Amino acid sequence: METVTVEVNAKWVRIVNSPLYWIVAALQGVAITFAPLFLYWSGSGKYFPGWEWLVVPSCFATIYLVGMFYVLLGNAVVRELRKKKLAN
């Protein structure tokens, strides 16, 4: 097994060390479990009838934005790993 040190952009270091990261980490569970469930219930008319205009976009935004945060963070790490591999 090989140990690799990855240097990530300072922007990502600031984001990961900021309160924003804790908010996204807390929303991760919501995006995986409750947002799809509330989306299903709203579509069925069982959850907050009359408030679908707020619940549905909120669920989609939570699912999309939390997922995109981790995709972008993972992309930065993989990009640096590939740079290291090409340099060797």
C-alpha atoms as a PDB file:
ATOM      1  CA  MET A   1       0.000   0.000   0.000  1.00  0.00           C
ATOM      2  CA  GLU A   2       1.230   3.460  -0.878  1.00  0.00           C
ATOM      3  CA  THR A   3       0.761   6.663   1.092  1.00  0.00           C
ATOM      4  CA  VAL A   4      -0.068   9.753  -0.954  1.00  0.00           C
ATOM      5  CA  THR A   5      -0.226  13.375   0.152  1.00  0.00           C
ATOM      6  CA  VAL A   6      -2.589  15.531  -1.887  1.00  0.00           C
ATOM      7  CA  GLU A   7      -2.291  19.302  -2.073  1.00  0.00           C
ATOM      8  CA  VAL A   8      -5.718  20.818  -2.590  1.00  0.00           C
ATOM      9  CA  ASN A   9      -6.512  24.393  -3.580  1.00  0.00           C
ATOM     10  CA  ALA A  10      -6.600  26.839  -0.643  1.00  0.00           C
ATOM     11  CA  LYS A  11     -10.244  27.613  -1.463  1.00  0.00           C
ATOM     12  CA  TRP A  12     -11.250  24.039  -0.611  1.00  0.00           C
ATOM     13  CA  VAL A  13      -9.205  24.059   2.579  1.00  0.00           C
ATOM     14  CA  ARG A  14     -11.032  27.200   3.735  1.00  0.00           C
ATOM     15  CA  ILE A  15     -14.415  25.695   2.840  1.00  0.00           C
ATOM     16  CA  VAL A  16     -13.719  22.402   4.625  1.00  0.00           C
ATOM     17  CA  ASN A  17     -12.544  24.245   7.750  1.00  0.00           C
ATOM     18  CA  SER A  18     -15.495  26.669   7.739  1.00  0.00           C
ATOM     19  CA  PRO A  19     -18.977  26.317   9.272  1.00  0.00           C
ATOM     20  CA  LEU A  20     -20.327  25.852   5.720  1.00  0.00           C
ATOM     21  CA  TYR A  21     -18.830  22.361   5.675  1.00  0.00           C
ATOM     22  CA  TRP A  22     -20.679  21.424   8.878  1.00  0.00           C
ATOM     23  CA  ILE A  23     -23.941  22.678   7.393  1.00  0.00           C
ATOM     24  CA  VAL A  24     -23.399  20.621   4.242  1.00  0.00           C
ATOM     25  CA  ALA A  25     -22.379  17.594   6.325  1.00  0.00           C
ATOM     26  CA  ALA A  26     -25.566  17.911   8.388  1.00  0.00           C
ATOM     27  CA  LEU A  27     -27.659  18.235   5.218  1.00  0.00           C
ATOM     28  CA  GLN A  28     -26.043  15.128   3.757  1.00  0.00           C
ATOM     29  CA  GLY A  29     -28.287  12.831   5.790  1.00  0.00           C
ATOM     30  CA  VAL A  30     -31.315  14.921   4.891  1.00  0.00           C
ATOM     31  CA  ALA A  31     -30.419  14.843   1.187  1.00  0.00           C
ATOM     32  CA  ILE A  32     -30.076  11.068   1.215  1.00  0.00           C
ATOM     33  CA  THR A  33     -33.090  10.113   3.340  1.00  0.00           C
ATOM     34  CA  PHE A  34     -35.674  12.749   4.142  1.00  0.00           C
ATOM     35  CA  ALA A  35     -35.582  14.948   1.016  1.00  0.00           C
ATOM     36  CA  PRO A  36     -36.528  12.099  -1.362  1.00  0.00           C
ATOM     37  CA  LEU A  37     -39.165  10.901   1.113  1.00  0.00           C
ATOM     38  CA  PHE A  38     -40.707  14.380   1.465  1.00  0.00           C
ATOM     39  CA  LEU A  39     -40.535  14.756  -2.312  1.00  0.00           C
ATOM     40  CA  TYR A  40     -42.488  11.509  -2.716  1.00  0.00           C
ATOM     41  CA  TRP A  41     -45.022  12.477  -0.057  1.00  0.00           C
ATOM     42  CA  SER A  42     -45.484  15.938  -1.597  1.00  0.00           C
ATOM     43  CA  GLY A  43     -46.051  14.391  -5.014  1.00  0.00           C
ATOM     44  CA  SER A  44     -48.667  12.122  -3.490  1.00  0.00           C
ATOM     45  CA  GLY A  45     -50.348  15.051  -1.736  1.00  0.00           C
ATOM     46  CA  LYS A  46     -49.804  13.502   1.715  1.00  0.00           C
ATOM     47  CA  TYR A  47     -47.253  15.968   3.097  1.00  0.00           C
ATOM     48  CA  PHE A  48     -48.024  19.656   3.606  1.00  0.00           C
ATOM     49  CA  PRO A  49     -50.935  19.947   1.185  1.00  0.00           C
ATOM     50  CA  GLY A  50     -50.902  23.402  -0.364  1.00  0.00           C
ATOM     51  CA  TRP A  51     -47.194  23.892   0.383  1.00  0.00           C
ATOM     52  CA  GLU A  52     -45.898  21.807  -2.517  1.00  0.00           C
ATOM     53  CA  TRP A  53     -44.606  24.969  -4.177  1.00  0.00           C
ATOM     54  CA  LEU A  54     -42.101  25.294  -1.303  1.00  0.00           C
ATOM     55  CA  VAL A  55     -41.417  21.675  -0.334  1.00  0.00           C
ATOM     56  CA  VAL A  56     -40.691  20.284  -3.812  1.00  0.00           C
ATOM     57  CA  PRO A  57     -38.099  22.913  -4.859  1.00  0.00           C
ATOM     58  CA  SER A  58     -36.501  22.743  -1.397  1.00  0.00           C
ATOM     59  CA  CYS A  59     -36.134  18.978  -1.664  1.00  0.00           C
ATOM     60  CA  PHE A  60     -34.658  19.176  -5.163  1.00  0.00           C
ATOM     61  CA  ALA A  61     -32.276  21.955  -4.104  1.00  0.00           C
ATOM     62  CA  THR A  62     -31.096  20.008  -1.060  1.00  0.00           C
ATOM     63  CA  ILE A  63     -30.518  16.821  -3.040  1.00  0.00           C
ATOM     64  CA  TYR A  64     -28.741  18.634  -5.893  1.00  0.00           C
ATOM     65  CA  LEU A  65     -26.613  21.124  -3.959  1.00  0.00           C
ATOM     66  CA  VAL A  66     -25.323  18.684  -1.336  1.00  0.00           C
ATOM     67  CA  GLY A  67     -24.461  16.177  -4.027  1.00  0.00           C
ATOM     68  CA  MET A  68     -22.712  18.800  -6.157  1.00  0.00           C
ATOM     69  CA  PHE A  69     -20.639  19.969  -3.177  1.00  0.00           C
ATOM     70  CA  TYR A  70     -19.176  16.503  -2.698  1.00  0.00           C
ATOM     71  CA  VAL A  71     -18.729  15.964  -6.459  1.00  0.00           C
ATOM     72  CA  LEU A  72     -16.742  19.202  -6.737  1.00  0.00           C
ATOM     73  CA  LEU A  73     -14.657  18.391  -3.661  1.00  0.00           C
ATOM     74  CA  GLY A  74     -13.960  14.886  -4.945  1.00  0.00           C
ATOM     75  CA  ASN A  75     -13.091  16.296  -8.364  1.00  0.00           C
ATOM     76  CA  ALA A  76     -10.449  18.580  -6.819  1.00  0.00           C
ATOM     77  CA  VAL A  77      -8.885  15.655  -4.957  1.00  0.00           C
ATOM     78  CA  VAL A  78      -8.903  13.342  -7.982  1.00  0.00           C
ATOM     79  CA  ARG A  79      -7.410  16.075 -10.180  1.00  0.00           C
ATOM     80  CA  GLU A  80      -4.485  16.422  -7.770  1.00  0.00           C
ATOM     81  CA  LEU A  81      -4.036  12.656  -7.567  1.00  0.00           C
ATOM     82  CA  ARG A  82      -3.856  12.425 -11.349  1.00  0.00           C
ATOM     83  CA  LYS A  83      -1.304  15.247 -11.480  1.00  0.00           C
ATOM     84  CA  LYS A  84       0.876  13.310  -9.027  1.00  0.00           C
ATOM     85  CA  LYS A  85       0.513  10.118 -11.079  1.00  0.00           C
ATOM     86  CA  LEU A  86       1.446  11.866 -14.327  1.00  0.00           C
ATOM     87  CA  ALA A  87       4.450  13.544 -12.670  1.00  0.00           C
ATOM     88  CA  ASN A  88       5.909  10.175 -11.607  1.00  0.00           C
END
